[in-house]
C-alpha atoms as a PDB file:
ATOM      1  CA  MET A   1       9.458 -80.525  93.106  1.00  0.00           C
ATOM      2  CA  ASN A   2       6.961 -78.098  91.538  1.00  0.00           C
ATOM      3  CA  THR A   3       7.961 -74.704  90.183  1.00  0.00           C
ATOM      4  CA  GLU A   4       6.855 -72.671  93.285  1.00  0.00           C
ATOM      5  CA  ALA A   5       8.767 -74.942  95.653  1.00  0.00           C
ATOM      6  CA  LEU A   6      11.839 -74.728  93.271  1.00  0.00           C
ATOM      7  CA  ALA A   7      11.758 -70.966  93.234  1.00  0.00           C
ATOM      8  CA  HIS A   8      11.554 -70.947  97.111  1.00  0.00           C
ATOM      9  CA  GLU A   9      14.498 -73.148  97.313  1.00  0.00           C
ATOM     10  CA  GLU A  10      16.571 -70.819  95.052  1.00  0.00           C
ATOM     11  CA  HIS A  11      15.492 -67.845  96.905  1.00  0.00           C
ATOM     12  CA  ARG A  12      16.608 -69.560 100.208  1.00  0.00           C
ATOM     13  CA  ASP A  13      19.964 -70.371  98.625  1.00  0.00           C
ATOM     14  CA  ASP A  14      20.620 -66.788  97.488  1.00  0.00           C
ATOM     15  CA  PHE A  15      19.586 -65.321 100.780  1.00  0.00           C
ATOM     16  CA  GLY A  16      21.969 -67.620 102.436  1.00  0.00           C
ATOM     17  CA  SER A  17      24.776 -66.782 100.061  1.00  0.00           C
ATOM     18  CA  LYS A  18      24.183 -63.038 100.552  1.00  0.00           C
ATOM     19  CA  LEU A  19      24.048 -63.327 104.409  1.00  0.00           C
ATOM     20  CA  GLY A  20      27.416 -65.281 104.334  1.00  0.00           C
ATOM     21  CA  MET A  21      28.947 -62.613 102.297  1.00  0.00           C
ATOM     22  CA  TRP A  22      27.735 -59.855 104.487  1.00  0.00           C
ATOM     23  CA  LEU A  23      29.079 -61.734 107.671  1.00  0.00           C
ATOM     24  CA  PHE A  24      32.498 -62.015 105.940  1.00  0.00           C
ATOM     25  CA  MET A  25      32.552 -58.492 105.002  1.00  0.00           C
ATOM     26  CA  VAL A  26      31.949 -57.561 108.733  1.00  0.00           C
ATOM     27  CA  THR A  27      35.013 -59.655 109.749  1.00  0.00           C
ATOM     28  CA  GLU A  28      36.988 -57.817 107.222  1.00  0.00           C
ATOM     29  CA  ILE A  29      35.665 -54.352 108.495  1.00  0.00           C
ATOM     30  CA  LEU A  30      36.677 -55.364 111.988  1.00  0.00           C
ATOM     31  CA  LEU A  31      40.028 -56.157 110.908  1.00  0.00           C
ATOM     32  CA  PHE A  32      40.656 -52.823 109.134  1.00  0.00           C
ATOM     33  CA  SER A  33      38.882 -50.960 111.819  1.00  0.00           C
ATOM     34  CA  GLY A  34      41.495 -52.377 114.374  1.00  0.00           C
ATOM     35  CA  LEU A  35      44.326 -51.074 112.103  1.00  0.00           C
ATOM     36  CA  PHE A  36      42.670 -47.735 111.591  1.00  0.00           C
ATOM     37  CA  ILE A  37      42.255 -47.285 115.460  1.00  0.00           C
ATOM     38  CA  SER A  38      46.022 -48.201 115.882  1.00  0.00           C
ATOM     39  CA  TYR A  39      46.964 -45.631 113.162  1.00  0.00           C
ATOM     40  CA  SER A  40      44.916 -42.875 114.884  1.00  0.00           C
ATOM     41  CA  TYR A  41      46.508 -43.579 118.326  1.00  0.00           C
ATOM     42  CA  MET A  42      50.047 -43.603 117.051  1.00  0.00           C
ATOM     43  CA  ARG A  43      49.539 -40.622 114.989  1.00  0.00           C
ATOM     44  CA  SER A  44      48.212 -38.775 118.186  1.00  0.00           C
ATOM     45  CA  GLN A  45      51.408 -39.889 119.846  1.00  0.00           C
ATOM     46  CA  HIS A  46      53.722 -38.768 116.961  1.00  0.00           C
ATOM     47  CA  PRO A  47      51.996 -36.070 115.028  1.00  0.00           C
ATOM     48  CA  VAL A  48      55.045 -34.210 113.810  1.00  0.00           C
ATOM     49  CA  GLU A  49      56.845 -37.381 112.794  1.00  0.00           C
ATOM     50  CA  PHE A  50      53.761 -38.583 110.906  1.00  0.00           C
ATOM     51  CA  HIS A  51      53.437 -35.350 109.054  1.00  0.00           C
ATOM     52  CA  HIS A  52      56.976 -35.474 108.045  1.00  0.00           C
ATOM     53  CA  ALA A  53      56.861 -39.134 106.896  1.00  0.00           C
ATOM     54  CA  GLY A  54      53.628 -38.599 105.002  1.00  0.00           C
ATOM     55  CA  ALA A  55      55.013 -35.813 102.938  1.00  0.00           C
ATOM     56  CA  HIS A  56      57.604 -38.304 101.666  1.00  0.00           C
ATOM     57  CA  LEU A  57      54.962 -40.451 100.000  1.00  0.00           C
ATOM     58  CA  ASN A  58      53.742 -39.645  96.338  1.00  0.00           C
ATOM     59  CA  ALA A  59      50.399 -38.347  96.650  1.00  0.00           C
ATOM     60  CA  ARG A  60      49.798 -38.335  92.910  1.00  0.00           C
ATOM     61  CA  ILE A  61      50.105 -42.094  92.834  1.00  0.00           C
ATOM     62  CA  GLY A  62      47.654 -42.525  95.725  1.00  0.00           C
ATOM     63  CA  ILE A  63      45.043 -40.138  93.977  1.00  0.00           C
ATOM     64  CA  ALA A  64      45.659 -42.034  90.716  1.00  0.00           C
ATOM     65  CA  ASN A  65      45.018 -45.267  92.379  1.00  0.00           C
ATOM     66  CA  THR A  66      41.939 -43.917  93.900  1.00  0.00           C
ATOM     67  CA  TYR A  67      40.538 -42.920  90.544  1.00  0.00           C
ATOM     68  CA  ILE A  68      41.425 -46.360  89.171  1.00  0.00           C
ATOM     69  CA  LEU A  69      39.498 -48.101  92.041  1.00  0.00           C
ATOM     70  CA  LEU A  70      36.568 -45.862  91.723  1.00  0.00           C
ATOM     71  CA  THR A  71      36.286 -46.709  88.064  1.00  0.00           C
ATOM     72  CA  SER A  72      36.543 -50.225  88.806  1.00  0.00           C
ATOM     73  CA  SER A  73      33.608 -50.102  91.230  1.00  0.00           C
ATOM     74  CA  LEU A  74      31.688 -48.433  88.294  1.00  0.00           C
ATOM     75  CA  THR A  75      32.430 -51.290  85.964  1.00  0.00           C
ATOM     76  CA  MET A  76      31.313 -53.729  88.509  1.00  0.00           C
ATOM     77  CA  VAL A  77      27.968 -51.955  88.951  1.00  0.00           C
ATOM     78  CA  LEU A  78      27.595 -51.776  85.279  1.00  0.00           C
ATOM     79  CA  SER A  79      28.395 -55.406  84.958  1.00  0.00           C
ATOM     80  CA  LEU A  80      25.587 -56.327  87.322  1.00  0.00           C
ATOM     81  CA  VAL A  81      23.140 -54.042  85.482  1.00  0.00           C
ATOM     82  CA  ALA A  82      24.083 -55.724  82.244  1.00  0.00           C
ATOM     83  CA  ILE A  83      23.518 -59.339  83.487  1.00  0.00           C
ATOM     84  CA  GLN A  84      20.200 -58.342  84.786  1.00  0.00           C
ATOM     85  CA  ARG A  85      19.291 -57.127  81.429  1.00  0.00           C
ATOM     86  CA  GLY A  86      20.503 -60.401  79.871  1.00  0.00           C
ATOM     87  CA  GLU A  87      23.554 -58.865  78.216  1.00  0.00           C
ATOM     88  CA  ARG A  88      26.046 -61.566  79.187  1.00  0.00           C
ATOM     89  CA  LEU A  89      28.827 -60.672  76.983  1.00  0.00           C
ATOM     90  CA  LYS A  90      28.693 -56.986  78.082  1.00  0.00           C
ATOM     91  CA  SER A  91      28.786 -58.061  81.607  1.00  0.00           C
ATOM     92  CA  MET A  92      31.757 -60.324  80.972  1.00  0.00           C
ATOM     93  CA  LEU A  93      33.580 -57.395  79.276  1.00  0.00           C
ATOM     94  CA  LEU A  94      33.011 -55.269  82.309  1.00  0.00           C
ATOM     95  CA  VAL A  95      34.150 -57.685  84.809  1.00  0.00           C
ATOM     96  CA  ALA A  96      37.326 -58.273  82.585  1.00  0.00           C
ATOM     97  CA  ALA A  97      37.730 -54.423  82.700  1.00  0.00           C
ATOM     98  CA  THR A  98      37.598 -54.543  86.508  1.00  0.00           C
ATOM     99  CA  ILE A  99      40.369 -57.059  86.561  1.00  0.00           C
ATOM    100  CA  LEU A 100      42.478 -55.053  84.431  1.00  0.00           C
ATOM    101  CA  LEU A 101      41.958 -51.979  86.476  1.00  0.00           C
ATOM    102  CA  ALA A 102      42.876 -53.868  89.729  1.00  0.00           C
ATOM    103  CA  ALA A 103      46.029 -54.978  87.884  1.00  0.00           C
ATOM    104  CA  ALA A 104      46.852 -51.215  87.046  1.00  0.00           C
ATOM    105  CA  PHE A 105      46.296 -50.486  90.660  1.00  0.00           C
ATOM    106  CA  LEU A 106      48.893 -53.131  91.738  1.00  0.00           C
ATOM    107  CA  GLY A 107      51.231 -51.798  89.098  1.00  0.00           C
ATOM    108  CA  ASN A 108      51.097 -48.445  90.402  1.00  0.00           C
ATOM    109  CA  LYS A 109      51.545 -49.802  93.998  1.00  0.00           C
ATOM    110  CA  ALA A 110      54.457 -51.830  92.916  1.00  0.00           C
ATOM    111  CA  PHE A 111      56.162 -48.817  91.333  1.00  0.00           C
ATOM    112  CA  GLU A 112      55.477 -46.914  94.583  1.00  0.00           C
ATOM    113  CA  TRP A 113      56.977 -49.520  96.811  1.00  0.00           C
ATOM    114  CA  THR A 114      59.947 -50.128  94.532  1.00  0.00           C
ATOM    115  CA  THR A 115      60.700 -46.374  94.733  1.00  0.00           C
ATOM    116  CA  GLU A 116      60.499 -46.443  98.624  1.00  0.00           C
ATOM    117  CA  ILE A 117      62.725 -49.382  98.766  1.00  0.00           C
ATOM    118  CA  ARG A 118      65.379 -47.687  96.480  1.00  0.00           C
ATOM    119  CA  HIS A 119      65.411 -44.898  98.986  1.00  0.00           C
ATOM    120  CA  GLY A 120      66.024 -47.377 101.777  1.00  0.00           C
ATOM    121  CA  ILE A 121      62.631 -47.103 103.338  1.00  0.00           C
ATOM    122  CA  TYR A 122      61.420 -50.619 104.033  1.00  0.00           C
ATOM    123  CA  PRO A 123      60.876 -52.667 107.113  1.00  0.00           C
ATOM    124  CA  ASN A 124      64.102 -53.308 109.168  1.00  0.00           C
ATOM    125  CA  SER A 125      66.235 -51.429 106.705  1.00  0.00           C
ATOM    126  CA  PRO A 126      69.323 -49.646 107.960  1.00  0.00           C
ATOM    127  CA  HIS A 127      68.216 -46.282 106.816  1.00  0.00           C
ATOM    128  CA  LEU A 128      64.762 -46.651 108.401  1.00  0.00           C
ATOM    129  CA  ALA A 129      66.346 -47.344 111.661  1.00  0.00           C
ATOM    130  CA  THR A 130      68.141 -44.014 111.584  1.00  0.00           C
ATOM    131  CA  LEU A 131      64.762 -42.127 111.389  1.00  0.00           C
ATOM    132  CA  PRO A 132      62.813 -40.823 114.398  1.00  0.00           C
ATOM    133  CA  PRO A 133      60.819 -43.549 116.189  1.00  0.00           C
ATOM    134  CA  GLY A 134      57.393 -41.943 114.951  1.00  0.00           C
ATOM    135  CA  GLU A 135      58.581 -42.108 111.300  1.00  0.00           C
ATOM    136  CA  GLN A 136      59.396 -45.751 111.796  1.00  0.00           C
ATOM    137  CA  VAL A 137      56.020 -46.389 113.233  1.00  0.00           C
ATOM    138  CA  PHE A 138      54.438 -44.544 110.164  1.00  0.00           C
ATOM    139  CA  PHE A 139      56.180 -46.527 107.582  1.00  0.00           C
ATOM    140  CA  GLY A 140      55.509 -49.689 109.581  1.00  0.00           C
ATOM    141  CA  LEU A 141      51.846 -49.122 109.429  1.00  0.00           C
ATOM    142  CA  TYR A 142      52.142 -47.915 105.775  1.00  0.00           C
ATOM    143  CA  TYR A 143      53.671 -51.093 104.686  1.00  0.00           C
ATOM    144  CA  THR A 144      51.392 -53.296 106.750  1.00  0.00           C
ATOM    145  CA  MET A 145      47.954 -51.670 105.853  1.00  0.00           C
ATOM    146  CA  THR A 146      48.728 -50.992 102.157  1.00  0.00           C
ATOM    147  CA  GLY A 147      50.265 -54.549 101.905  1.00  0.00           C
ATOM    148  CA  LEU A 148      47.167 -56.049 103.466  1.00  0.00           C
ATOM    149  CA  HIS A 149      45.056 -54.155 101.251  1.00  0.00           C
ATOM    150  CA  GLY A 150      47.117 -55.177  98.204  1.00  0.00           C
ATOM    151  CA  LEU A 151      46.527 -58.816  99.328  1.00  0.00           C
ATOM    152  CA  HIS A 152      42.770 -58.155  99.291  1.00  0.00           C
ATOM    153  CA  VAL A 153      43.140 -56.744  95.802  1.00  0.00           C
ATOM    154  CA  ILE A 154      44.867 -59.767  94.589  1.00  0.00           C
ATOM    155  CA  ALA A 155      42.159 -61.899  96.256  1.00  0.00           C
ATOM    156  CA  GLY A 156      39.587 -59.835  94.677  1.00  0.00           C
ATOM    157  CA  MET A 157      41.104 -60.330  91.154  1.00  0.00           C
ATOM    158  CA  GLY A 158      41.003 -64.078  91.923  1.00  0.00           C
ATOM    159  CA  VAL A 159      37.231 -63.962  92.941  1.00  0.00           C
ATOM    160  CA  LEU A 160      36.396 -61.895  89.748  1.00  0.00           C
ATOM    161  CA  THR A 161      38.239 -64.190  87.478  1.00  0.00           C
ATOM    162  CA  TRP A 162      36.288 -67.027  88.839  1.00  0.00           C
ATOM    163  CA  VAL A 163      33.107 -64.996  88.276  1.00  0.00           C
ATOM    164  CA  LEU A 164      34.260 -64.285  84.701  1.00  0.00           C
ATOM    165  CA  LEU A 165      34.743 -67.973  84.072  1.00  0.00           C
ATOM    166  CA  ARG A 166      31.263 -68.763  85.488  1.00  0.00           C
ATOM    167  CA  LEU A 167      29.855 -66.022  83.145  1.00  0.00           C
ATOM    168  CA  ALA A 168      31.561 -67.559  80.171  1.00  0.00           C
ATOM    169  CA  LYS A 169      29.853 -71.028  81.130  1.00  0.00           C
ATOM    170  CA  GLY A 170      26.486 -69.348  81.412  1.00  0.00           C
ATOM    171  CA  SER A 171      26.375 -70.391  85.115  1.00  0.00           C
ATOM    172  CA  ILE A 172      25.488 -66.764  85.827  1.00  0.00           C
ATOM    173  CA  ASP A 173      22.605 -65.250  83.943  1.00  0.00           C
ATOM    174  CA  ARG A 174      19.809 -62.746  84.349  1.00  0.00           C
ATOM    175  CA  ASP A 175      17.899 -65.092  86.857  1.00  0.00           C
ATOM    176  CA  ASN A 176      20.892 -66.309  88.715  1.00  0.00           C
ATOM    177  CA  TYR A 177      23.450 -63.596  89.315  1.00  0.00           C
ATOM    178  CA  VAL A 178      23.955 -63.702  93.165  1.00  0.00           C
ATOM    179  CA  LEU A 179      27.752 -64.866  92.574  1.00  0.00           C
ATOM    180  CA  LEU A 180      28.350 -61.792  90.573  1.00  0.00           C
ATOM    181  CA  GLU A 181      26.563 -59.628  93.178  1.00  0.00           C
ATOM    182  CA  ASN A 182      28.780 -61.122  95.979  1.00  0.00           C
ATOM    183  CA  GLY A 183      31.884 -60.597  93.904  1.00  0.00           C
ATOM    184  CA  GLY A 184      30.892 -56.940  93.426  1.00  0.00           C
ATOM    185  CA  LEU A 185      30.212 -56.511  97.075  1.00  0.00           C
ATOM    186  CA  TYR A 186      33.678 -57.772  98.061  1.00  0.00           C
ATOM    187  CA  TRP A 187      35.198 -55.521  95.484  1.00  0.00           C
ATOM    188  CA  HIS A 188      33.307 -52.344  96.704  1.00  0.00           C
ATOM    189  CA  LEU A 189      34.784 -53.250 100.094  1.00  0.00           C
ATOM    190  CA  VAL A 190      38.291 -53.266  98.869  1.00  0.00           C
ATOM    191  CA  ASP A 191      37.637 -49.847  97.242  1.00  0.00           C
ATOM    192  CA  VAL A 192      36.193 -48.421 100.308  1.00  0.00           C
ATOM    193  CA  VAL A 193      39.229 -49.487 102.501  1.00  0.00           C
ATOM    194  CA  TRP A 194      41.484 -47.652 100.134  1.00  0.00           C
ATOM    195  CA  ILE A 195      39.396 -44.512 100.309  1.00  0.00           C
ATOM    196  CA  PHE A 196      40.244 -44.431 103.990  1.00  0.00           C
ATOM    197  CA  LEU A 197      43.814 -45.274 103.390  1.00  0.00           C
ATOM    198  CA  LEU A 198      44.312 -42.456 100.966  1.00  0.00           C
ATOM    199  CA  PRO A 199      43.811 -39.622 103.476  1.00  0.00           C
ATOM    200  CA  LEU A 200      45.473 -41.368 106.384  1.00  0.00           C
ATOM    201  CA  PHE A 201      48.821 -41.847 104.354  1.00  0.00           C
ATOM    202  CA  TYR A 202      48.742 -39.528 101.373  1.00  0.00           C
ATOM    203  CA  LEU A 203      46.710 -36.420 102.250  1.00  0.00           C
ATOM    204  CA  ALA A 204      47.077 -35.881 105.954  1.00  0.00           C
ATOM    205  CA  ALA A 205      50.692 -34.982 105.807  1.00  0.00           C
END
């Protein structure tokens, strides 16, 4: 196979990988869109209860986690720029920084959940059962949507760890970085979902 044919084959593989990633992201967007629509409908039915329940959450933790994820998106962008310049070590360090920021996000979220559980607010808890129906719905959606997002963060950490290992082996370089690019796209989706969750649960009280 000559050089031109090989380049064409690699371009086709890259296009297929990117297309597959975008199609996957569309399914994820549809999933969270359904949850956002459910939240909006239930909030319209219980505006006072949602307002009261939202005031119970720690907005400072929610905002801090937003800064953490925005910073992690920046490190992913810089990692891609670095590999495009042939700076593999720098790219690796930036991906590692993204993973550490994701861990910090999960640490904050675990602290927040633990606090709520200590207050007796968790699915099917006796205390939650005493609250008005609208507040029960709010916390049900809160745990469902932030929990699902947390699972995506964990999945993203797994993907980025795999990307980091591929970088370390030299499988990703300035001429072949589509895996890093796709990993970055997934991580940006995780960040964007949180940006929607922040006002719904923490700032709309």
